[in-house]
Amino acid sequence: MPQTKRQTFAREFVIDRNATQAAVRSGYSVRTAKQQGSRLLTKVDVQEEISLLEAAQQEADHVDRSFVLAGLRDLALNASTESNRVRSYELLGKYLRMFVEQTETTVTHDVTPLAEFSIEDLRALRASQKPGVEADARILEN
C-alpha cells in the first residue's frame, strides 16, 4: 500500500522534528511548507503516526543492561585480540564489583563531639562567627 503524503510527512518529521523541512521532503511546496507543516501537526492521524514511529524508533534504539552484558560476554569469549578480551573481562568484573578500590580517608578538621563543649564555649563560638554565618540556635540557646 503506497504511503500517503501525511504518512510521508510523519516519517520525515521524526527524522529531525522540523515540520517545514519534513513538509518539503514530503513533496509540499517550498513556498507553503511552513504553513503546511504547522497544519499537518494539528491532524490527529499525523500525530498518531508520529507517535507510532517514535515508539518503534525507541524500541529499535533500546539498549539495556542485558544487551551490554551479553555484548561484553561475547567479546570476552570471542574477541580477536587479547587486549579486547582482557578489557571485556575487566569491565564485567567491575560491573560485578569484583575489584574494590581502596581509598584512604583522612580527617582534616577537629571533630570534637558537641557534648564536650560547655554552654560558654558554644556562646563564644557564636560570638566569634563571621557575619553571614548562622549557628544552630537550638544548640546555642540550651
N, C-alpha and C. Protein backbone atom coordinates (compact mmCIF):
# COMPACT_ATOMS: atom_id res chain seq x y z
N MET A 1 0.84 -1.18 0.00
CA MET A 1 0.00 0.00 0.00
C MET A 1 0.89 1.24 0.00
N PRO A 2 0.70 2.15 -0.94
CA PRO A 2 1.53 3.35 -1.01
C PRO A 2 1.26 4.29 0.17
N GLN A 3 2.30 4.96 0.58
CA GLN A 3 2.16 5.90 1.70
C GLN A 3 1.46 7.17 1.23
N THR A 4 0.64 7.71 2.11
CA THR A 4 0.01 8.99 1.80
C THR A 4 1.03 10.09 2.08
N LYS A 5 0.73 11.28 1.62
CA LYS A 5 1.61 12.42 1.88
C LYS A 5 1.72 12.68 3.38
N ARG A 6 0.62 12.48 4.10
CA ARG A 6 0.64 12.68 5.55
C ARG A 6 1.55 11.67 6.24
N GLN A 7 1.50 10.42 5.82
CA GLN A 7 2.37 9.40 6.39
C GLN A 7 3.84 9.72 6.09
N THR A 8 4.08 10.16 4.88
CA THR A 8 5.45 10.54 4.50
C THR A 8 5.92 11.71 5.35
N PHE A 9 5.01 12.68 5.55
CA PHE A 9 5.35 13.82 6.41
C PHE A 9 5.71 13.35 7.82
N ALA A 10 4.91 12.46 8.38
CA ALA A 10 5.16 11.96 9.73
C ALA A 10 6.53 11.27 9.80
N ARG A 11 6.83 10.42 8.79
CA ARG A 11 8.11 9.72 8.75
C ARG A 11 9.27 10.71 8.66
N GLU A 12 9.11 11.74 7.85
CA GLU A 12 10.15 12.75 7.68
C GLU A 12 10.28 13.63 8.93
N PHE A 13 9.15 13.93 9.58
CA PHE A 13 9.17 14.76 10.77
C PHE A 13 9.96 14.10 11.90
N VAL A 14 9.82 12.78 12.04
CA VAL A 14 10.51 12.05 13.10
C VAL A 14 12.03 12.14 12.93
N ILE A 15 12.51 12.34 11.73
CA ILE A 15 13.95 12.40 11.48
C ILE A 15 14.60 13.56 12.21
N ASP A 16 14.05 14.76 12.05
CA ASP A 16 14.70 15.94 12.65
C ASP A 16 13.73 16.86 13.40
N ARG A 17 12.48 16.45 13.49
CA ARG A 17 11.44 17.22 14.20
C ARG A 17 11.31 18.65 13.68
N ASN A 18 11.56 18.82 12.38
CA ASN A 18 11.42 20.12 11.73
C ASN A 18 10.26 20.00 10.76
N ALA A 19 9.12 20.62 11.11
CA ALA A 19 7.90 20.47 10.30
C ALA A 19 8.06 21.06 8.91
N THR A 20 8.73 22.19 8.80
CA THR A 20 8.90 22.83 7.48
C THR A 20 9.72 21.93 6.56
N GLN A 21 10.86 21.45 7.04
CA GLN A 21 11.71 20.60 6.21
C GLN A 21 11.02 19.27 5.90
N ALA A 22 10.28 18.73 6.87
CA ALA A 22 9.55 17.48 6.64
C ALA A 22 8.50 17.68 5.55
N ALA A 23 7.84 18.82 5.55
CA ALA A 23 6.84 19.11 4.52
C ALA A 23 7.50 19.20 3.14
N VAL A 24 8.64 19.87 3.05
CA VAL A 24 9.36 19.98 1.77
C VAL A 24 9.77 18.59 1.29
N ARG A 25 10.36 17.79 2.19
CA ARG A 25 10.80 16.44 1.79
C ARG A 25 9.63 15.53 1.45
N SER A 26 8.43 15.88 1.92
CA SER A 26 7.24 15.08 1.64
C SER A 26 6.56 15.49 0.35
N GLY A 27 7.06 16.52 -0.29
CA GLY A 27 6.50 16.92 -1.57
C GLY A 27 5.63 18.16 -1.54
N TYR A 28 5.53 18.82 -0.41
CA TYR A 28 4.77 20.06 -0.35
C TYR A 28 5.62 21.19 -0.91
N SER A 29 4.97 22.24 -1.36
CA SER A 29 5.65 23.38 -1.95
C SER A 29 6.58 24.06 -0.93
N VAL A 30 7.76 24.46 -1.40
CA VAL A 30 8.70 25.17 -0.53
C VAL A 30 8.06 26.46 -0.04
N ARG A 31 7.29 27.10 -0.90
CA ARG A 31 6.66 28.37 -0.58
C ARG A 31 5.64 28.24 0.57
N THR A 32 4.94 27.11 0.63
CA THR A 32 3.91 26.94 1.66
C THR A 32 4.28 25.90 2.71
N ALA A 33 5.51 25.42 2.70
CA ALA A 33 5.92 24.32 3.58
C ALA A 33 5.75 24.64 5.06
N LYS A 34 6.06 25.87 5.45
CA LYS A 34 5.93 26.23 6.86
C LYS A 34 4.49 26.11 7.33
N GLN A 35 3.55 26.64 6.56
CA GLN A 35 2.14 26.58 6.92
C GLN A 35 1.62 25.15 6.86
N GLN A 36 2.04 24.41 5.81
CA GLN A 36 1.59 23.02 5.67
C GLN A 36 2.10 22.16 6.83
N GLY A 37 3.36 22.34 7.20
CA GLY A 37 3.93 21.58 8.31
C GLY A 37 3.20 21.85 9.60
N SER A 38 2.93 23.12 9.86
CA SER A 38 2.20 23.50 11.07
C SER A 38 0.80 22.90 11.06
N ARG A 39 0.12 22.98 9.93
CA ARG A 39 -1.24 22.44 9.80
C ARG A 39 -1.24 20.93 9.98
N LEU A 40 -0.28 20.25 9.38
CA LEU A 40 -0.23 18.78 9.47
C LEU A 40 -0.02 18.31 10.91
N LEU A 41 0.74 19.06 11.68
CA LEU A 41 0.99 18.67 13.07
C LEU A 41 -0.26 18.75 13.94
N THR A 42 -1.29 19.44 13.47
CA THR A 42 -2.54 19.52 14.23
C THR A 42 -3.48 18.36 13.90
N LYS A 43 -3.19 17.60 12.88
CA LYS A 43 -4.06 16.50 12.44
C LYS A 43 -3.86 15.28 13.34
N VAL A 44 -4.95 14.69 13.81
CA VAL A 44 -4.90 13.56 14.73
C VAL A 44 -4.20 12.37 14.09
N ASP A 45 -4.51 12.07 12.81
CA ASP A 45 -3.88 10.92 12.17
C ASP A 45 -2.37 11.10 12.03
N VAL A 46 -1.93 12.32 11.80
CA VAL A 46 -0.49 12.59 11.70
C VAL A 46 0.17 12.45 13.08
N GLN A 47 -0.48 12.97 14.11
CA GLN A 47 0.06 12.84 15.46
C GLN A 47 0.17 11.37 15.87
N GLU A 48 -0.84 10.58 15.52
CA GLU A 48 -0.80 9.14 15.84
C GLU A 48 0.33 8.45 15.10
N GLU A 49 0.50 8.78 13.83
CA GLU A 49 1.57 8.18 13.02
C GLU A 49 2.94 8.55 13.60
N ILE A 50 3.11 9.80 14.00
CA ILE A 50 4.37 10.24 14.60
C ILE A 50 4.62 9.47 15.90
N SER A 51 3.59 9.31 16.72
CA SER A 51 3.73 8.56 17.98
C SER A 51 4.14 7.12 17.72
N LEU A 52 3.52 6.48 16.74
CA LEU A 52 3.87 5.09 16.40
C LEU A 52 5.31 5.00 15.91
N LEU A 53 5.70 5.92 15.07
CA LEU A 53 7.07 5.90 14.53
C LEU A 53 8.09 6.15 15.63
N GLU A 54 7.79 7.07 16.55
CA GLU A 54 8.72 7.35 17.65
C GLU A 54 8.83 6.15 18.58
N ALA A 55 7.71 5.48 18.86
CA ALA A 55 7.74 4.30 19.71
C ALA A 55 8.57 3.19 19.07
N ALA A 56 8.39 3.01 17.77
CA ALA A 56 9.17 1.99 17.06
C ALA A 56 10.66 2.33 17.08
N GLN A 57 10.98 3.62 16.94
CA GLN A 57 12.38 4.04 16.96
C GLN A 57 12.98 3.82 18.35
N GLN A 58 12.23 4.14 19.40
CA GLN A 58 12.74 3.92 20.76
C GLN A 58 12.99 2.44 21.01
N GLU A 59 12.10 1.60 20.53
CA GLU A 59 12.30 0.16 20.71
C GLU A 59 13.52 -0.32 19.95
N ALA A 60 13.72 0.19 18.74
CA ALA A 60 14.88 -0.20 17.94
C ALA A 60 16.17 0.29 18.58
N ASP A 61 16.13 1.45 19.23
CA ASP A 61 17.32 2.02 19.87
C ASP A 61 17.55 1.48 21.27
N HIS A 62 16.61 0.73 21.81
CA HIS A 62 16.66 0.30 23.20
C HIS A 62 17.91 -0.53 23.49
N VAL A 63 18.69 -0.04 24.41
CA VAL A 63 19.86 -0.76 24.87
C VAL A 63 19.72 -0.85 26.38
N ASP A 64 19.76 -2.05 26.90
CA ASP A 64 19.63 -2.21 28.34
C ASP A 64 20.82 -2.98 28.89
N ARG A 65 20.79 -3.23 30.17
CA ARG A 65 21.88 -3.90 30.87
C ARG A 65 22.17 -5.27 30.26
N SER A 66 21.14 -6.04 29.96
CA SER A 66 21.36 -7.38 29.41
C SER A 66 22.02 -7.33 28.04
N PHE A 67 21.68 -6.33 27.24
CA PHE A 67 22.30 -6.15 25.93
C PHE A 67 23.80 -5.89 26.08
N VAL A 68 24.15 -4.98 26.99
CA VAL A 68 25.55 -4.62 27.20
C VAL A 68 26.33 -5.80 27.76
N LEU A 69 25.75 -6.46 28.76
CA LEU A 69 26.44 -7.60 29.37
C LEU A 69 26.63 -8.74 28.36
N ALA A 70 25.63 -8.98 27.53
CA ALA A 70 25.76 -10.03 26.51
C ALA A 70 26.86 -9.67 25.52
N GLY A 71 26.95 -8.40 25.15
CA GLY A 71 28.00 -7.97 24.23
C GLY A 71 29.38 -8.11 24.85
N LEU A 72 29.51 -7.72 26.11
CA LEU A 72 30.81 -7.86 26.79
C LEU A 72 31.18 -9.33 26.95
N ARG A 73 30.20 -10.16 27.28
CA ARG A 73 30.46 -11.59 27.42
C ARG A 73 30.93 -12.17 26.09
N ASP A 74 30.27 -11.80 25.02
CA ASP A 74 30.65 -12.27 23.70
C ASP A 74 32.07 -11.83 23.35
N LEU A 75 32.39 -10.57 23.64
CA LEU A 75 33.74 -10.09 23.38
C LEU A 75 34.78 -10.82 24.22
N ALA A 76 34.44 -11.05 25.49
CA ALA A 76 35.38 -11.74 26.38
C ALA A 76 35.70 -13.14 25.87
N LEU A 77 34.71 -13.78 25.27
CA LEU A 77 34.91 -15.14 24.79
C LEU A 77 35.45 -15.23 23.37
N ASN A 78 35.13 -14.23 22.54
CA ASN A 78 35.42 -14.36 21.11
C ASN A 78 36.23 -13.23 20.49
N ALA A 79 36.72 -12.28 21.27
CA ALA A 79 37.43 -11.14 20.68
C ALA A 79 38.67 -11.62 19.94
N SER A 80 39.00 -10.91 18.88
CA SER A 80 40.13 -11.33 18.05
C SER A 80 41.48 -10.97 18.66
N THR A 81 41.50 -10.03 19.60
CA THR A 81 42.78 -9.67 20.23
C THR A 81 42.71 -9.91 21.72
N GLU A 82 43.85 -10.23 22.28
CA GLU A 82 43.95 -10.47 23.72
C GLU A 82 43.54 -9.24 24.51
N SER A 83 43.95 -8.05 24.04
CA SER A 83 43.63 -6.82 24.79
C SER A 83 42.13 -6.57 24.85
N ASN A 84 41.40 -6.88 23.78
CA ASN A 84 39.94 -6.72 23.80
C ASN A 84 39.29 -7.71 24.75
N ARG A 85 39.81 -8.94 24.79
CA ARG A 85 39.26 -9.93 25.72
C ARG A 85 39.50 -9.50 27.17
N VAL A 86 40.73 -9.05 27.44
CA VAL A 86 41.08 -8.64 28.80
C VAL A 86 40.22 -7.44 29.21
N ARG A 87 40.06 -6.47 28.33
CA ARG A 87 39.25 -5.29 28.65
C ARG A 87 37.80 -5.69 28.93
N SER A 88 37.26 -6.63 28.16
CA SER A 88 35.89 -7.10 28.38
C SER A 88 35.76 -7.75 29.75
N TYR A 89 36.72 -8.61 30.09
CA TYR A 89 36.70 -9.24 31.41
C TYR A 89 36.81 -8.18 32.51
N GLU A 90 37.63 -7.16 32.27
CA GLU A 90 37.80 -6.09 33.26
C GLU A 90 36.47 -5.36 33.49
N LEU A 91 35.79 -5.02 32.42
CA LEU A 91 34.51 -4.31 32.55
C LEU A 91 33.44 -5.19 33.21
N LEU A 92 33.43 -6.46 32.87
CA LEU A 92 32.48 -7.37 33.52
C LEU A 92 32.79 -7.50 35.01
N GLY A 93 34.07 -7.59 35.35
CA GLY A 93 34.47 -7.66 36.76
C GLY A 93 34.08 -6.42 37.52
N LYS A 94 34.25 -5.25 36.90
CA LYS A 94 33.84 -4.00 37.56
C LYS A 94 32.34 -3.98 37.77
N TYR A 95 31.59 -4.44 36.79
CA TYR A 95 30.14 -4.47 36.92
C TYR A 95 29.73 -5.36 38.10
N LEU A 96 30.42 -6.49 38.24
CA LEU A 96 30.12 -7.42 39.32
C LEU A 96 30.76 -7.02 40.64
N ARG A 97 31.46 -5.89 40.65
CA ARG A 97 32.13 -5.34 41.84
C ARG A 97 33.14 -6.32 42.43
N MET A 98 33.85 -6.96 41.52
CA MET A 98 34.87 -7.91 41.95
C MET A 98 36.16 -7.19 42.33
N PHE A 99 36.33 -5.99 41.82
CA PHE A 99 37.55 -5.24 42.08
C PHE A 99 37.17 -4.02 42.91
N VAL A 100 37.49 -4.04 44.19
CA VAL A 100 37.15 -2.95 45.08
C VAL A 100 38.38 -2.08 45.25
N GLU A 101 38.26 -0.82 44.87
CA GLU A 101 39.38 0.10 45.03
C GLU A 101 39.46 0.56 46.47
N GLN A 102 40.66 0.55 47.03
CA GLN A 102 40.88 1.00 48.39
C GLN A 102 41.16 2.50 48.37
N THR A 103 40.47 3.24 49.20
CA THR A 103 40.72 4.67 49.30
C THR A 103 41.06 5.01 50.74
N GLU A 104 41.92 5.99 50.91
CA GLU A 104 42.33 6.41 52.24
C GLU A 104 41.58 7.68 52.61
N THR A 105 41.03 7.71 53.81
CA THR A 105 40.30 8.87 54.27
C THR A 105 41.06 9.49 55.44
N THR A 106 41.27 10.79 55.35
CA THR A 106 41.92 11.49 56.45
C THR A 106 41.01 12.60 56.94
N VAL A 107 41.03 12.84 58.23
CA VAL A 107 40.23 13.90 58.82
C VAL A 107 41.10 15.15 58.88
N THR A 108 40.59 16.23 58.31
CA THR A 108 41.39 17.46 58.25
C THR A 108 40.85 18.55 59.15
N HIS A 109 39.88 18.22 60.00
CA HIS A 109 39.35 19.23 60.92
C HIS A 109 38.99 18.56 62.24
N ASP A 110 38.83 19.37 63.25
CA ASP A 110 38.51 18.87 64.58
C ASP A 110 37.09 18.33 64.58
N VAL A 111 36.93 17.12 65.09
CA VAL A 111 35.61 16.51 65.15
C VAL A 111 35.21 16.24 66.60
N THR A 112 35.53 17.20 67.47
CA THR A 112 35.18 17.07 68.88
C THR A 112 33.67 16.97 69.01
N PRO A 113 33.18 15.97 69.73
CA PRO A 113 31.73 15.84 69.90
C PRO A 113 31.15 17.10 70.55
N LEU A 114 29.99 17.49 70.09
CA LEU A 114 29.33 18.68 70.57
C LEU A 114 29.09 18.62 72.08
N ALA A 115 28.86 17.43 72.60
CA ALA A 115 28.58 17.28 74.04
C ALA A 115 29.76 17.70 74.90
N GLU A 116 30.98 17.70 74.35
CA GLU A 116 32.16 18.07 75.13
C GLU A 116 32.31 19.58 75.28
N PHE A 117 31.52 20.36 74.56
CA PHE A 117 31.58 21.82 74.66
C PHE A 117 30.65 22.28 75.78
N SER A 118 31.10 23.30 76.52
CA SER A 118 30.23 23.90 77.53
C SER A 118 29.36 24.96 76.87
N ILE A 119 28.35 25.40 77.58
CA ILE A 119 27.47 26.45 77.07
C ILE A 119 28.30 27.71 76.80
N GLU A 120 29.26 28.00 77.66
CA GLU A 120 30.11 29.18 77.46
C GLU A 120 30.94 29.04 76.18
N ASP A 121 31.45 27.82 75.92
CA ASP A 121 32.21 27.58 74.68
C ASP A 121 31.34 27.83 73.46
N LEU A 122 30.11 27.33 73.51
CA LEU A 122 29.20 27.50 72.38
C LEU A 122 28.82 28.96 72.17
N ARG A 123 28.62 29.68 73.26
CA ARG A 123 28.30 31.11 73.13
C ARG A 123 29.49 31.87 72.58
N ALA A 124 30.70 31.52 73.00
CA ALA A 124 31.91 32.16 72.48
C ALA A 124 32.07 31.86 70.99
N LEU A 125 31.75 30.63 70.61
CA LEU A 125 31.82 30.25 69.20
C LEU A 125 30.83 31.08 68.39
N ARG A 126 29.63 31.23 68.91
CA ARG A 126 28.61 32.02 68.23
C ARG A 126 29.07 33.47 68.09
N ALA A 127 29.65 34.03 69.13
CA ALA A 127 30.10 35.42 69.10
C ALA A 127 31.26 35.61 68.13
N SER A 128 32.05 34.57 67.92
CA SER A 128 33.24 34.70 67.05
C SER A 128 32.93 34.44 65.58
N GLN A 129 31.71 34.04 65.28
CA GLN A 129 31.38 33.72 63.89
C GLN A 129 31.43 34.97 63.03
N LYS A 130 31.82 34.73 61.77
CA LYS A 130 31.86 35.83 60.80
C LYS A 130 30.42 36.20 60.44
N PRO A 131 30.21 37.45 60.05
CA PRO A 131 28.86 37.86 59.63
C PRO A 131 28.38 36.99 58.47
N GLY A 132 27.12 36.62 58.52
CA GLY A 132 26.56 35.80 57.46
C GLY A 132 26.62 34.31 57.76
N VAL A 133 27.34 33.92 58.80
CA VAL A 133 27.43 32.51 59.18
C VAL A 133 26.48 32.29 60.34
N GLU A 134 25.50 31.43 60.16
CA GLU A 134 24.48 31.20 61.17
C GLU A 134 24.81 29.94 61.97
N ALA A 135 24.67 29.99 63.26
CA ALA A 135 24.82 28.82 64.12
C ALA A 135 23.44 28.23 64.35
N ASP A 136 23.40 27.01 64.76
CA ASP A 136 22.13 26.38 65.08
C ASP A 136 21.63 26.94 66.40
N ALA A 137 20.61 27.76 66.36
CA ALA A 137 20.11 28.47 67.55
C ALA A 137 19.61 27.50 68.61
N ARG A 138 19.09 26.35 68.21
CA ARG A 138 18.60 25.38 69.20
C ARG A 138 19.73 24.90 70.09
N ILE A 139 20.93 24.74 69.55
CA ILE A 139 22.06 24.26 70.35
C ILE A 139 22.56 25.37 71.26
N LEU A 140 22.68 26.57 70.74
CA LEU A 140 23.27 27.67 71.49
C LEU A 140 22.34 28.20 72.58
N GLU A 141 21.04 28.03 72.41
CA GLU A 141 20.10 28.56 73.39
C GLU A 141 19.96 27.64 74.60
N ASN A 142 20.29 26.37 74.48
CA ASN A 142 20.13 25.43 75.60
C ASN A 142 21.25 25.52 76.59
